[in-house]
Amino acid sequence: MPKANFDYQQHPHVEARKETEPKVTHRRRAKLSLNDRIGLGITKRVGNMWAAYVFVLLTLVSLPAAIMSGNTVIIVGWVAQTFLQLVLLPVIIVGQNLQAHESEKRAIATYKDAGAILEEAIEIQKHLAVQDTALNHLIDRLAVIDEKLEQAAKK
């Protein structure tokens, strides 16, 4: 009867994974270029609800002139080009920031889950090694019993 024989080979990604972690935004900021920092600064200042409120007030300055013109094209242009663009820009950025934050939290949770699964797999490998030892012991005992039975049958 063949013995259980398994040689566990660790995947190379396991060691590489220990050396790196997922990139978190605040760690990456230290490596930003000047233009990246300027863009990020402007986005932070425009991408909040207070900027949306300021833009609403700013657009309301030109609303009376658009209405008093009585021209439908000017009124539609004011709504589309002034109000919607100015107000929706910061609102969309706020939404994207919230989504990015949640996405980052999910990515970190997934990374931690993968680490936990990896540790569980290592424990399973250890458990299987113990079982292989026990099975090999049982196979050895069965071989001895089988040999004794064959000898007894010959007598």
N, C-alpha and C. Protein backbone atom coordinates (compact mmCIF):
# COMPACT_ATOMS: atom_id res chain seq x y z
N MET A 1 0.86 -1.17 0.00
CA MET A 1 0.00 0.00 0.00
C MET A 1 0.91 1.24 0.00
N PRO A 2 0.69 2.18 -0.93
CA PRO A 2 1.55 3.36 -0.97
C PRO A 2 1.28 4.30 0.20
N LYS A 3 2.34 4.94 0.64
CA LYS A 3 2.21 5.90 1.74
C LYS A 3 1.77 7.26 1.19
N ALA A 4 1.14 8.03 2.07
CA ALA A 4 0.75 9.39 1.70
C ALA A 4 2.02 10.22 1.54
N ASN A 5 2.15 10.85 0.39
CA ASN A 5 3.36 11.62 0.14
C ASN A 5 2.96 12.94 -0.51
N PHE A 6 3.11 14.01 0.25
CA PHE A 6 2.78 15.33 -0.27
C PHE A 6 3.85 16.30 0.20
N ASP A 7 4.41 17.02 -0.75
CA ASP A 7 5.43 18.02 -0.42
C ASP A 7 4.85 19.40 -0.70
N TYR A 8 4.57 20.14 0.35
CA TYR A 8 3.95 21.46 0.21
C TYR A 8 4.96 22.44 -0.37
N GLN A 9 4.56 23.10 -1.45
CA GLN A 9 5.38 24.14 -2.07
C GLN A 9 4.65 25.47 -1.91
N GLN A 10 5.25 26.36 -1.14
CA GLN A 10 4.61 27.65 -0.90
C GLN A 10 4.62 28.48 -2.17
N HIS A 11 3.50 29.14 -2.44
CA HIS A 11 3.40 30.00 -3.61
C HIS A 11 4.32 31.20 -3.41
N PRO A 12 5.06 31.62 -4.45
CA PRO A 12 5.99 32.75 -4.30
C PRO A 12 5.32 34.05 -3.89
N HIS A 13 4.06 34.20 -4.20
CA HIS A 13 3.35 35.44 -3.86
C HIS A 13 3.21 35.61 -2.35
N VAL A 14 3.26 34.51 -1.60
CA VAL A 14 3.08 34.59 -0.15
C VAL A 14 4.17 35.45 0.48
N GLU A 15 5.42 35.20 0.12
CA GLU A 15 6.52 35.99 0.69
C GLU A 15 6.49 37.42 0.16
N ALA A 16 6.21 37.58 -1.12
CA ALA A 16 6.15 38.93 -1.71
C ALA A 16 5.06 39.75 -1.04
N ARG A 17 3.97 39.11 -0.68
CA ARG A 17 2.84 39.79 -0.05
C ARG A 17 3.21 40.33 1.32
N LYS A 18 4.09 39.63 2.02
CA LYS A 18 4.51 40.09 3.35
C LYS A 18 5.30 41.39 3.28
N GLU A 19 5.95 41.62 2.15
CA GLU A 19 6.81 42.79 2.00
C GLU A 19 6.04 44.04 1.57
N THR A 20 4.87 43.87 0.99
CA THR A 20 4.12 45.04 0.50
C THR A 20 2.72 45.04 1.06
N GLU A 21 2.16 46.22 1.14
CA GLU A 21 0.78 46.41 1.57
C GLU A 21 0.06 47.19 0.49
N PRO A 22 -1.26 47.24 0.57
CA PRO A 22 -1.96 48.06 -0.42
C PRO A 22 -1.58 49.53 -0.25
N LYS A 23 -1.53 50.23 -1.37
CA LYS A 23 -1.18 51.65 -1.33
C LYS A 23 -2.36 52.43 -0.75
N VAL A 24 -2.08 53.18 0.29
CA VAL A 24 -3.11 54.02 0.91
C VAL A 24 -2.84 55.45 0.48
N THR A 25 -3.90 56.20 0.23
CA THR A 25 -3.79 57.53 -0.34
C THR A 25 -2.82 58.43 0.42
N HIS A 26 -2.90 58.46 1.75
CA HIS A 26 -2.05 59.40 2.49
C HIS A 26 -0.58 59.01 2.41
N ARG A 27 -0.27 57.75 2.17
CA ARG A 27 1.13 57.35 1.99
C ARG A 27 1.63 57.76 0.62
N ARG A 28 0.73 57.75 -0.36
CA ARG A 28 1.12 58.07 -1.72
C ARG A 28 1.34 59.58 -1.90
N ARG A 29 0.68 60.37 -1.09
CA ARG A 29 0.76 61.83 -1.25
C ARG A 29 2.18 62.37 -1.13
N ALA A 30 3.01 61.70 -0.37
CA ALA A 30 4.38 62.17 -0.19
C ALA A 30 5.14 62.15 -1.52
N LYS A 31 4.68 61.36 -2.49
CA LYS A 31 5.38 61.21 -3.76
C LYS A 31 4.76 62.05 -4.88
N LEU A 32 3.84 62.93 -4.56
CA LEU A 32 3.16 63.71 -5.59
C LEU A 32 4.05 64.82 -6.14
N SER A 33 3.90 65.09 -7.43
CA SER A 33 4.62 66.20 -8.05
C SER A 33 3.93 67.51 -7.67
N LEU A 34 4.54 68.61 -8.00
CA LEU A 34 3.97 69.93 -7.70
C LEU A 34 2.60 70.09 -8.37
N ASN A 35 2.51 69.72 -9.64
CA ASN A 35 1.23 69.84 -10.35
C ASN A 35 0.16 68.95 -9.72
N ASP A 36 0.57 67.76 -9.29
CA ASP A 36 -0.38 66.86 -8.62
C ASP A 36 -0.88 67.49 -7.32
N ARG A 37 0.03 68.11 -6.57
CA ARG A 37 -0.35 68.74 -5.31
C ARG A 37 -1.30 69.92 -5.54
N ILE A 38 -1.03 70.70 -6.57
CA ILE A 38 -1.90 71.84 -6.90
C ILE A 38 -3.29 71.32 -7.29
N GLY A 39 -3.33 70.32 -8.15
CA GLY A 39 -4.61 69.74 -8.57
C GLY A 39 -5.37 69.16 -7.40
N LEU A 40 -4.67 68.47 -6.51
CA LEU A 40 -5.31 67.88 -5.34
C LEU A 40 -5.84 68.98 -4.41
N GLY A 41 -5.06 70.04 -4.24
CA GLY A 41 -5.49 71.15 -3.39
C GLY A 41 -6.75 71.82 -3.92
N ILE A 42 -6.78 72.08 -5.22
CA ILE A 42 -7.97 72.70 -5.82
C ILE A 42 -9.17 71.77 -5.70
N THR A 43 -8.94 70.49 -5.97
CA THR A 43 -10.04 69.52 -5.87
C THR A 43 -10.60 69.45 -4.46
N LYS A 44 -9.72 69.52 -3.46
CA LYS A 44 -10.18 69.48 -2.07
C LYS A 44 -11.02 70.72 -1.74
N ARG A 45 -10.59 71.87 -2.26
CA ARG A 45 -11.30 73.10 -1.93
C ARG A 45 -12.63 73.21 -2.68
N VAL A 46 -12.68 72.70 -3.89
CA VAL A 46 -13.91 72.78 -4.69
C VAL A 46 -14.82 71.58 -4.40
N GLY A 47 -14.24 70.48 -3.98
CA GLY A 47 -15.01 69.25 -3.80
C GLY A 47 -15.65 69.10 -2.44
N ASN A 48 -16.40 70.09 -2.02
CA ASN A 48 -17.15 69.98 -0.76
C ASN A 48 -18.47 70.73 -0.91
N MET A 49 -19.36 70.45 -0.01
CA MET A 49 -20.70 71.04 -0.13
C MET A 49 -20.69 72.54 0.10
N TRP A 50 -19.75 73.05 0.86
CA TRP A 50 -19.70 74.51 1.06
C TRP A 50 -19.40 75.21 -0.26
N ALA A 51 -18.53 74.60 -1.07
CA ALA A 51 -18.26 75.18 -2.39
C ALA A 51 -19.53 75.15 -3.24
N ALA A 52 -20.31 74.09 -3.12
CA ALA A 52 -21.57 74.01 -3.87
C ALA A 52 -22.51 75.14 -3.45
N TYR A 53 -22.58 75.40 -2.14
CA TYR A 53 -23.45 76.49 -1.66
C TYR A 53 -22.97 77.84 -2.17
N VAL A 54 -21.66 78.06 -2.16
CA VAL A 54 -21.10 79.32 -2.67
C VAL A 54 -21.41 79.46 -4.16
N PHE A 55 -21.27 78.35 -4.90
CA PHE A 55 -21.55 78.40 -6.34
C PHE A 55 -23.03 78.66 -6.62
N VAL A 56 -23.92 78.15 -5.77
CA VAL A 56 -25.35 78.45 -5.93
C VAL A 56 -25.56 79.96 -5.80
N LEU A 57 -24.97 80.53 -4.75
CA LEU A 57 -25.11 81.98 -4.56
C LEU A 57 -24.51 82.75 -5.73
N LEU A 58 -23.37 82.29 -6.22
CA LEU A 58 -22.71 82.95 -7.34
C LEU A 58 -23.58 82.91 -8.60
N THR A 59 -24.20 81.77 -8.84
CA THR A 59 -25.05 81.66 -10.04
C THR A 59 -26.31 82.51 -9.92
N LEU A 60 -26.79 82.67 -8.68
CA LEU A 60 -28.02 83.46 -8.48
C LEU A 60 -27.81 84.94 -8.82
N VAL A 61 -26.54 85.38 -8.83
CA VAL A 61 -26.25 86.78 -9.18
C VAL A 61 -26.70 87.07 -10.61
N SER A 62 -26.48 86.13 -11.51
CA SER A 62 -26.83 86.37 -12.92
C SER A 62 -28.24 85.90 -13.28
N LEU A 63 -28.95 85.27 -12.34
CA LEU A 63 -30.30 84.77 -12.63
C LEU A 63 -31.28 85.90 -13.00
N PRO A 64 -31.33 86.99 -12.26
CA PRO A 64 -32.30 88.05 -12.63
C PRO A 64 -32.08 88.57 -14.05
N ALA A 65 -30.84 88.73 -14.46
CA ALA A 65 -30.56 89.24 -15.81
C ALA A 65 -31.04 88.24 -16.86
N ALA A 66 -30.84 86.94 -16.58
CA ALA A 66 -31.28 85.91 -17.53
C ALA A 66 -32.80 85.90 -17.65
N ILE A 67 -33.49 86.02 -16.52
CA ILE A 67 -34.96 86.00 -16.53
C ILE A 67 -35.51 87.27 -17.19
N MET A 68 -34.90 88.41 -16.86
CA MET A 68 -35.39 89.68 -17.41
C MET A 68 -35.17 89.77 -18.92
N SER A 69 -34.25 89.00 -19.44
CA SER A 69 -34.03 89.04 -20.90
C SER A 69 -35.25 88.49 -21.63
N GLY A 70 -35.99 87.58 -20.97
CA GLY A 70 -37.16 86.99 -21.60
C GLY A 70 -36.83 86.04 -22.73
N ASN A 71 -35.57 85.86 -23.00
CA ASN A 71 -35.11 85.00 -24.09
C ASN A 71 -34.95 83.57 -23.56
N THR A 72 -35.68 82.65 -24.17
CA THR A 72 -35.64 81.25 -23.73
C THR A 72 -34.24 80.67 -23.86
N VAL A 73 -33.55 81.00 -24.92
CA VAL A 73 -32.19 80.48 -25.14
C VAL A 73 -31.27 80.94 -24.01
N ILE A 74 -31.39 82.18 -23.61
CA ILE A 74 -30.54 82.70 -22.53
C ILE A 74 -30.88 82.02 -21.21
N ILE A 75 -32.16 81.82 -20.95
CA ILE A 75 -32.58 81.17 -19.69
C ILE A 75 -32.09 79.72 -19.66
N VAL A 76 -32.28 79.00 -20.77
CA VAL A 76 -31.80 77.61 -20.84
C VAL A 76 -30.28 77.58 -20.74
N GLY A 77 -29.63 78.52 -21.40
CA GLY A 77 -28.17 78.61 -21.31
C GLY A 77 -27.71 78.88 -19.89
N TRP A 78 -28.43 79.76 -19.18
CA TRP A 78 -28.08 80.04 -17.78
C TRP A 78 -28.19 78.77 -16.94
N VAL A 79 -29.30 78.03 -17.12
CA VAL A 79 -29.50 76.80 -16.34
C VAL A 79 -28.41 75.80 -16.66
N ALA A 80 -28.16 75.56 -17.95
CA ALA A 80 -27.22 74.52 -18.36
C ALA A 80 -25.76 74.92 -18.12
N GLN A 81 -25.41 76.13 -18.52
CA GLN A 81 -24.01 76.51 -18.49
C GLN A 81 -23.58 77.16 -17.18
N THR A 82 -24.48 77.78 -16.51
CA THR A 82 -24.10 78.47 -15.28
C THR A 82 -24.47 77.64 -14.07
N PHE A 83 -25.75 77.43 -13.88
CA PHE A 83 -26.21 76.77 -12.66
C PHE A 83 -25.73 75.32 -12.57
N LEU A 84 -26.09 74.52 -13.56
CA LEU A 84 -25.77 73.09 -13.48
C LEU A 84 -24.27 72.84 -13.41
N GLN A 85 -23.51 73.51 -14.25
CA GLN A 85 -22.06 73.26 -14.27
C GLN A 85 -21.40 73.68 -12.96
N LEU A 86 -21.73 74.86 -12.49
CA LEU A 86 -21.08 75.34 -11.27
C LEU A 86 -21.52 74.56 -10.03
N VAL A 87 -22.80 74.25 -9.94
CA VAL A 87 -23.31 73.59 -8.73
C VAL A 87 -23.02 72.10 -8.74
N LEU A 88 -23.19 71.46 -9.89
CA LEU A 88 -22.99 70.01 -9.94
C LEU A 88 -21.52 69.61 -9.79
N LEU A 89 -20.61 70.46 -10.22
CA LEU A 89 -19.19 70.11 -10.12
C LEU A 89 -18.78 69.73 -8.70
N PRO A 90 -18.97 70.58 -7.70
CA PRO A 90 -18.56 70.19 -6.35
C PRO A 90 -19.39 69.04 -5.79
N VAL A 91 -20.67 68.98 -6.16
CA VAL A 91 -21.52 67.88 -5.66
C VAL A 91 -21.01 66.55 -6.19
N ILE A 92 -20.66 66.50 -7.46
CA ILE A 92 -20.12 65.27 -8.05
C ILE A 92 -18.80 64.90 -7.39
N ILE A 93 -17.95 65.88 -7.15
CA ILE A 93 -16.66 65.61 -6.49
C ILE A 93 -16.89 65.05 -5.09
N VAL A 94 -17.84 65.61 -4.36
CA VAL A 94 -18.16 65.09 -3.02
C VAL A 94 -18.58 63.63 -3.12
N GLY A 95 -19.46 63.33 -4.07
CA GLY A 95 -19.90 61.95 -4.26
C GLY A 95 -18.75 61.02 -4.61
N GLN A 96 -17.87 61.48 -5.48
CA GLN A 96 -16.71 60.66 -5.86
C GLN A 96 -15.77 60.45 -4.68
N ASN A 97 -15.59 61.49 -3.87
CA ASN A 97 -14.74 61.34 -2.69
C ASN A 97 -15.31 60.31 -1.72
N LEU A 98 -16.63 60.36 -1.53
CA LEU A 98 -17.28 59.37 -0.65
C LEU A 98 -17.12 57.97 -1.22
N GLN A 99 -17.32 57.82 -2.52
CA GLN A 99 -17.17 56.51 -3.14
C GLN A 99 -15.73 56.02 -3.06
N ALA A 100 -14.78 56.92 -3.27
CA ALA A 100 -13.36 56.53 -3.20
C ALA A 100 -12.99 56.10 -1.79
N HIS A 101 -13.51 56.81 -0.80
CA HIS A 101 -13.22 56.46 0.60
C HIS A 101 -13.76 55.08 0.92
N GLU A 102 -14.99 54.82 0.50
CA GLU A 102 -15.60 53.51 0.74
C GLU A 102 -14.86 52.42 -0.03
N SER A 103 -14.44 52.73 -1.24
CA SER A 103 -13.70 51.77 -2.05
C SER A 103 -12.36 51.44 -1.39
N GLU A 104 -11.71 52.44 -0.84
CA GLU A 104 -10.43 52.21 -0.16
C GLU A 104 -10.64 51.33 1.07
N LYS A 105 -11.72 51.58 1.81
CA LYS A 105 -12.01 50.74 2.98
C LYS A 105 -12.28 49.30 2.55
N ARG A 106 -13.01 49.13 1.44
CA ARG A 106 -13.28 47.76 0.96
C ARG A 106 -11.99 47.09 0.51
N ALA A 107 -11.11 47.84 -0.16
CA ALA A 107 -9.85 47.26 -0.63
C ALA A 107 -8.99 46.81 0.54
N ILE A 108 -8.93 47.62 1.58
CA ILE A 108 -8.14 47.24 2.76
C ILE A 108 -8.76 46.03 3.44
N ALA A 109 -10.09 46.00 3.53
CA ALA A 109 -10.76 44.84 4.13
C ALA A 109 -10.50 43.58 3.30
N THR A 110 -10.53 43.71 1.99
CA THR A 110 -10.25 42.56 1.12
C THR A 110 -8.81 42.09 1.31
N TYR A 111 -7.89 43.03 1.44
CA TYR A 111 -6.48 42.69 1.67
C TYR A 111 -6.34 41.93 2.99
N LYS A 112 -7.01 42.40 4.03
CA LYS A 112 -6.95 41.72 5.32
C LYS A 112 -7.61 40.34 5.24
N ASP A 113 -8.73 40.26 4.51
CA ASP A 113 -9.39 38.96 4.32
C ASP A 113 -8.47 37.98 3.61
N ALA A 114 -7.77 38.46 2.59
CA ALA A 114 -6.84 37.60 1.86
C ALA A 114 -5.73 37.11 2.79
N GLY A 115 -5.25 37.99 3.66
CA GLY A 115 -4.24 37.58 4.63
C GLY A 115 -4.76 36.53 5.59
N ALA A 116 -6.00 36.71 6.03
CA ALA A 116 -6.61 35.73 6.94
C ALA A 116 -6.80 34.39 6.24
N ILE A 117 -7.24 34.43 4.99
CA ILE A 117 -7.42 33.19 4.23
C ILE A 117 -6.08 32.50 4.02
N LEU A 118 -5.05 33.28 3.76
CA LEU A 118 -3.71 32.72 3.60
C LEU A 118 -3.27 32.01 4.87
N GLU A 119 -3.49 32.66 6.02
CA GLU A 119 -3.12 32.03 7.29
C GLU A 119 -3.93 30.76 7.53
N GLU A 120 -5.21 30.79 7.18
CA GLU A 120 -6.03 29.59 7.32
C GLU A 120 -5.50 28.47 6.43
N ALA A 121 -5.11 28.80 5.20
CA ALA A 121 -4.56 27.79 4.29
C ALA A 121 -3.28 27.19 4.85
N ILE A 122 -2.45 28.02 5.48
CA ILE A 122 -1.22 27.51 6.09
C ILE A 122 -1.56 26.54 7.22
N GLU A 123 -2.56 26.90 8.02
CA GLU A 123 -2.98 26.00 9.10
C GLU A 123 -3.55 24.70 8.54
N ILE A 124 -4.27 24.78 7.45
CA ILE A 124 -4.79 23.57 6.81
C ILE A 124 -3.64 22.69 6.33
N GLN A 125 -2.60 23.32 5.77
CA GLN A 125 -1.43 22.55 5.33
C GLN A 125 -0.77 21.84 6.51
N LYS A 126 -0.68 22.52 7.64
CA LYS A 126 -0.10 21.89 8.84
C LYS A 126 -0.97 20.72 9.29
N HIS A 127 -2.28 20.93 9.27
CA HIS A 127 -3.21 19.87 9.67
C HIS A 127 -3.09 18.67 8.73
N LEU A 128 -2.99 18.94 7.45
CA LEU A 128 -2.84 17.85 6.48
C LEU A 128 -1.53 17.11 6.68
N ALA A 129 -0.47 17.82 7.05
CA ALA A 129 0.81 17.16 7.31
C ALA A 129 0.69 16.20 8.49
N VAL A 130 -0.03 16.64 9.54
CA VAL A 130 -0.25 15.76 10.70
C VAL A 130 -1.08 14.56 10.27
N GLN A 131 -2.09 14.78 9.46
CA GLN A 131 -2.91 13.66 8.98
C GLN A 131 -2.09 12.71 8.11
N ASP A 132 -1.19 13.26 7.28
CA ASP A 132 -0.32 12.39 6.47
C ASP A 132 0.53 11.50 7.36
N THR A 133 1.06 12.08 8.44
CA THR A 133 1.86 11.30 9.38
C THR A 133 1.01 10.19 10.01
N ALA A 134 -0.20 10.54 10.41
CA ALA A 134 -1.09 9.54 11.02
C ALA A 134 -1.46 8.46 10.00
N LEU A 135 -1.74 8.86 8.77
CA LEU A 135 -2.07 7.88 7.73
C LEU A 135 -0.88 6.97 7.43
N ASN A 136 0.31 7.54 7.37
CA ASN A 136 1.50 6.72 7.14
C ASN A 136 1.69 5.72 8.27
N HIS A 137 1.44 6.16 9.50
CA HIS A 137 1.53 5.25 10.65
C HIS A 137 0.52 4.12 10.50
N LEU A 138 -0.72 4.45 10.13
CA LEU A 138 -1.74 3.42 9.94
C LEU A 138 -1.39 2.48 8.79
N ILE A 139 -0.83 3.03 7.72
CA ILE A 139 -0.42 2.19 6.59
C ILE A 139 0.67 1.23 7.03
N ASP A 140 1.64 1.72 7.82
CA ASP A 140 2.70 0.85 8.34
C ASP A 140 2.11 -0.26 9.20
N ARG A 141 1.18 0.10 10.08
CA ARG A 141 0.55 -0.91 10.95
C ARG A 141 -0.24 -1.92 10.14
N LEU A 142 -0.97 -1.44 9.13
CA LEU A 142 -1.72 -2.36 8.28
C LEU A 142 -0.78 -3.30 7.52
N ALA A 143 0.35 -2.78 7.09
CA ALA A 143 1.32 -3.63 6.39
C ALA A 143 1.82 -4.73 7.32
N VAL A 144 2.09 -4.37 8.58
CA VAL A 144 2.55 -5.37 9.56
C VAL A 144 1.45 -6.40 9.79
N ILE A 145 0.22 -5.94 9.98
CA ILE A 145 -0.91 -6.86 10.20
C ILE A 145 -1.12 -7.75 8.98
N ASP A 146 -1.03 -7.15 7.79
CA ASP A 146 -1.19 -7.91 6.56
C ASP A 146 -0.12 -8.99 6.44
N GLU A 147 1.10 -8.62 6.80
CA GLU A 147 2.21 -9.59 6.74
C GLU A 147 1.98 -10.72 7.73
N LYS A 148 1.51 -10.39 8.93
CA LYS A 148 1.24 -11.42 9.94
C LYS A 148 0.11 -12.34 9.48
N LEU A 149 -0.92 -11.76 8.85
CA LEU A 149 -2.03 -12.58 8.34
C LEU A 149 -1.57 -13.52 7.24
N GLU A 150 -0.70 -13.03 6.37
CA GLU A 150 -0.17 -13.88 5.30
C GLU A 150 0.67 -15.01 5.88
N GLN A 151 1.47 -14.70 6.91
CA GLN A 151 2.29 -15.74 7.54
C GLN A 151 1.39 -16.76 8.25
N ALA A 152 0.33 -16.28 8.90
CA ALA A 152 -0.57 -17.19 9.60
C ALA A 152 -1.33 -18.06 8.60
N ALA A 153 -1.66 -17.50 7.44
CA ALA A 153 -2.38 -18.27 6.43
C ALA A 153 -1.50 -19.35 5.82
N LYS A 154 -0.19 -19.12 5.79
CA LYS A 154 0.74 -20.10 5.23
C LYS A 154 0.94 -21.27 6.18
N LYS A 155 0.71 -21.12 7.45
CA LYS A 155 0.95 -22.19 8.44
C LYS A 155 -0.12 -23.18 8.47
